[in-house]
Amino acid sequence: MLPLGLDFALTMKKYSWLLLFAFPFLGMSQYSLSVEVQGVKSSIGNINIAIYNRSQGFLKFEEVFKVDRIAAKEATTNFKIMDLPNGEYAVAIFHDENGNDRLDTNWLGIPKESVAFSNAKIKAFGPPSYKECAFNLNRDLDLKMEFN
């Protein structure tokens, strides 16, 4: 029979690999983001959402962290983004009425289709910055956004 302290130490050593395996996952909580889009003009086309997790490349398709699309529903469209890790995010959405999977703009670059941003509105001379749109996600969150 081993002394209690030595027995405990051997048991801990035996199962320490479990702790090493589980440790990386302890800080990786996953959250959901529920988005309610208000002011949808029609049920034609899709609502496209782009989620960014850094300011560099904000509003550039190549820099999107996560994307999703859902059929538009007139007045209010709801959807849920799952499995987002804890962090800072900014959301941009647009109503792709013609289904071409891109935001149509006029010759000045002004959107022809409805757009919305988390925590911010489109400015007179361009879209808001990442910092103006950013929010922290450290729990499941409900976000309301409204088209221009």
Protein backbone atom coordinates (compact mmCIF):
# COMPACT_ATOMS: atom_id res chain seq x y z
CA MET A 1 0.00 0.00 0.00
CA LEU A 2 1.36 3.41 -1.00
CA PRO A 3 1.21 6.48 1.26
CA LEU A 4 -1.85 8.65 0.45
CA GLY A 5 0.20 11.49 -1.06
CA LEU A 6 2.16 9.19 -3.38
CA ASP A 7 -1.00 7.30 -4.42
CA PHE A 8 -2.71 10.59 -5.33
CA ALA A 9 0.34 11.78 -7.29
CA LEU A 10 0.47 8.54 -9.30
CA THR A 11 -3.27 8.76 -10.03
CA MET A 12 -2.92 12.38 -11.20
CA LYS A 13 0.04 11.47 -13.40
CA LYS A 14 -1.97 8.64 -14.91
CA TYR A 15 -4.83 10.98 -15.91
CA SER A 16 -2.82 14.12 -16.68
CA TRP A 17 -3.08 13.46 -20.43
CA LEU A 18 -6.84 14.10 -20.14
CA LEU A 19 -6.16 17.56 -18.76
CA LEU A 20 -3.66 18.30 -21.53
CA PHE A 21 -6.19 17.18 -24.13
CA ALA A 22 -9.07 19.20 -22.66
CA PHE A 23 -7.13 22.38 -21.82
CA PRO A 24 -7.15 23.94 -25.32
CA PHE A 25 -10.94 23.62 -25.47
CA LEU A 26 -11.63 25.33 -22.14
CA GLY A 27 -11.20 28.85 -23.57
CA MET A 28 -12.97 28.16 -26.84
CA SER A 29 -16.60 28.73 -25.94
CA GLN A 30 -18.89 28.95 -28.92
CA TYR A 31 -21.80 31.38 -29.04
CA SER A 32 -24.73 32.09 -31.32
CA LEU A 33 -25.72 35.39 -32.87
CA SER A 34 -29.42 35.84 -33.62
CA VAL A 35 -30.08 38.64 -36.10
CA GLU A 36 -33.43 40.32 -36.68
CA VAL A 37 -33.38 42.37 -39.87
CA GLN A 38 -36.13 44.99 -39.97
CA GLY A 39 -37.28 47.06 -42.93
CA VAL A 40 -37.08 44.29 -45.55
CA LYS A 41 -38.95 45.75 -48.55
CA SER A 42 -39.99 42.46 -50.19
CA SER A 43 -39.76 38.68 -50.06
CA ILE A 44 -37.84 38.64 -53.34
CA GLY A 45 -34.22 37.44 -53.25
CA ASN A 46 -31.98 36.78 -50.25
CA ILE A 47 -30.61 38.54 -47.21
CA ASN A 48 -26.82 38.12 -47.21
CA ILE A 49 -24.79 38.53 -44.04
CA ALA A 50 -21.04 38.98 -43.65
CA ILE A 51 -19.37 38.72 -40.25
CA TYR A 52 -15.94 40.28 -39.79
CA ASN A 53 -13.62 39.72 -36.83
CA ARG A 54 -10.99 42.40 -37.54
CA SER A 55 -10.80 45.89 -38.98
CA GLN A 56 -8.30 44.97 -41.69
CA GLY A 57 -10.30 44.15 -44.80
CA PHE A 58 -13.65 45.21 -43.35
CA LEU A 59 -16.31 45.02 -46.10
CA LYS A 60 -13.95 43.10 -48.40
CA PHE A 61 -15.33 39.70 -49.39
CA GLU A 62 -11.89 38.09 -49.20
CA GLU A 63 -11.62 39.05 -45.50
CA VAL A 64 -15.03 37.77 -44.32
CA PHE A 65 -14.85 35.58 -41.21
CA LYS A 66 -18.25 33.95 -41.77
CA VAL A 67 -21.03 34.37 -44.33
CA ASP A 68 -24.62 33.22 -44.55
CA ARG A 69 -27.68 33.76 -46.73
CA ILE A 70 -31.38 33.32 -46.08
CA ALA A 71 -34.48 33.87 -48.18
CA ALA A 72 -35.84 37.36 -47.66
CA LYS A 73 -39.10 37.73 -45.78
CA GLU A 74 -40.93 41.03 -46.18
CA ALA A 75 -40.89 43.35 -43.15
CA THR A 76 -38.67 41.24 -40.85
CA THR A 77 -36.21 38.44 -41.59
CA ASN A 78 -34.57 36.45 -38.79
CA PHE A 79 -31.59 34.16 -38.81
CA LYS A 80 -29.07 32.66 -36.44
CA ILE A 81 -25.32 32.27 -36.84
CA MET A 82 -23.93 29.44 -34.73
CA ASP A 83 -20.48 28.51 -33.44
CA LEU A 84 -18.87 31.93 -33.10
CA PRO A 85 -15.94 32.02 -30.67
CA ASN A 86 -15.63 34.71 -28.03
CA GLY A 87 -14.37 37.93 -29.64
CA GLU A 88 -15.06 41.21 -31.37
CA TYR A 89 -17.21 41.24 -34.51
CA ALA A 90 -18.88 43.59 -36.97
CA VAL A 91 -21.80 42.61 -39.20
CA ALA A 92 -22.79 43.88 -42.63
CA ILE A 93 -25.93 42.72 -44.44
CA PHE A 94 -27.64 43.48 -47.72
CA HIS A 95 -30.84 42.51 -49.50
CA ASP A 96 -29.79 40.79 -52.72
CA GLU A 97 -33.11 41.23 -54.51
CA ASN A 98 -31.85 40.18 -57.94
CA GLY A 99 -30.00 37.10 -56.64
CA ASN A 100 -26.62 37.89 -58.22
CA ASP A 101 -24.76 37.40 -54.89
CA ARG A 102 -23.24 40.86 -54.92
CA LEU A 103 -24.16 44.29 -53.66
CA ASP A 104 -25.20 46.34 -56.67
CA THR A 105 -24.06 49.97 -56.66
CA ASN A 106 -24.47 52.97 -58.94
CA TRP A 107 -21.57 54.66 -60.74
CA LEU A 108 -20.68 56.57 -57.54
CA GLY A 109 -20.50 53.34 -55.52
CA ILE A 110 -23.72 54.06 -53.63
CA PRO A 111 -25.67 50.84 -52.96
CA LYS A 112 -28.78 50.24 -55.07
CA GLU A 113 -29.87 47.48 -52.69
CA SER A 114 -30.72 47.86 -48.99
CA VAL A 115 -27.79 47.60 -46.56
CA ALA A 116 -27.39 47.59 -42.79
CA PHE A 117 -24.52 47.44 -40.31
CA SER A 118 -24.31 46.37 -36.69
CA ASN A 119 -24.35 49.39 -34.34
CA ALA A 120 -24.08 51.93 -37.17
CA LYS A 121 -25.82 53.43 -40.17
CA ILE A 122 -24.46 54.16 -43.62
CA LYS A 123 -22.97 57.65 -43.71
CA ALA A 124 -23.55 60.33 -46.33
CA PHE A 125 -20.10 59.63 -47.77
CA GLY A 126 -19.55 55.92 -47.40
CA PRO A 127 -20.00 53.03 -45.04
CA PRO A 128 -19.17 53.13 -41.34
CA SER A 129 -15.83 51.85 -40.09
CA TYR A 130 -15.24 48.51 -38.43
CA LYS A 131 -14.89 50.19 -35.02
CA GLU A 132 -18.25 51.94 -35.45
CA CYS A 133 -19.90 48.59 -36.16
CA ALA A 134 -17.96 46.40 -33.71
CA PHE A 135 -19.43 44.62 -30.70
CA ASN A 136 -18.10 42.02 -28.26
CA LEU A 137 -19.54 38.54 -28.31
CA ASN A 138 -18.99 36.77 -24.99
CA ARG A 139 -22.43 35.12 -24.69
CA ASP A 140 -25.33 34.29 -27.01
CA LEU A 141 -26.55 37.60 -28.42
CA ASP A 142 -29.67 38.97 -30.13
CA LEU A 143 -28.92 41.75 -32.59
CA LYS A 144 -31.49 44.00 -34.29
CA MET A 145 -30.50 45.64 -37.56
CA GLU A 146 -32.54 47.92 -39.80
CA PHE A 147 -32.19 48.55 -43.51
CA ASN A 148 -31.59 52.10 -44.68
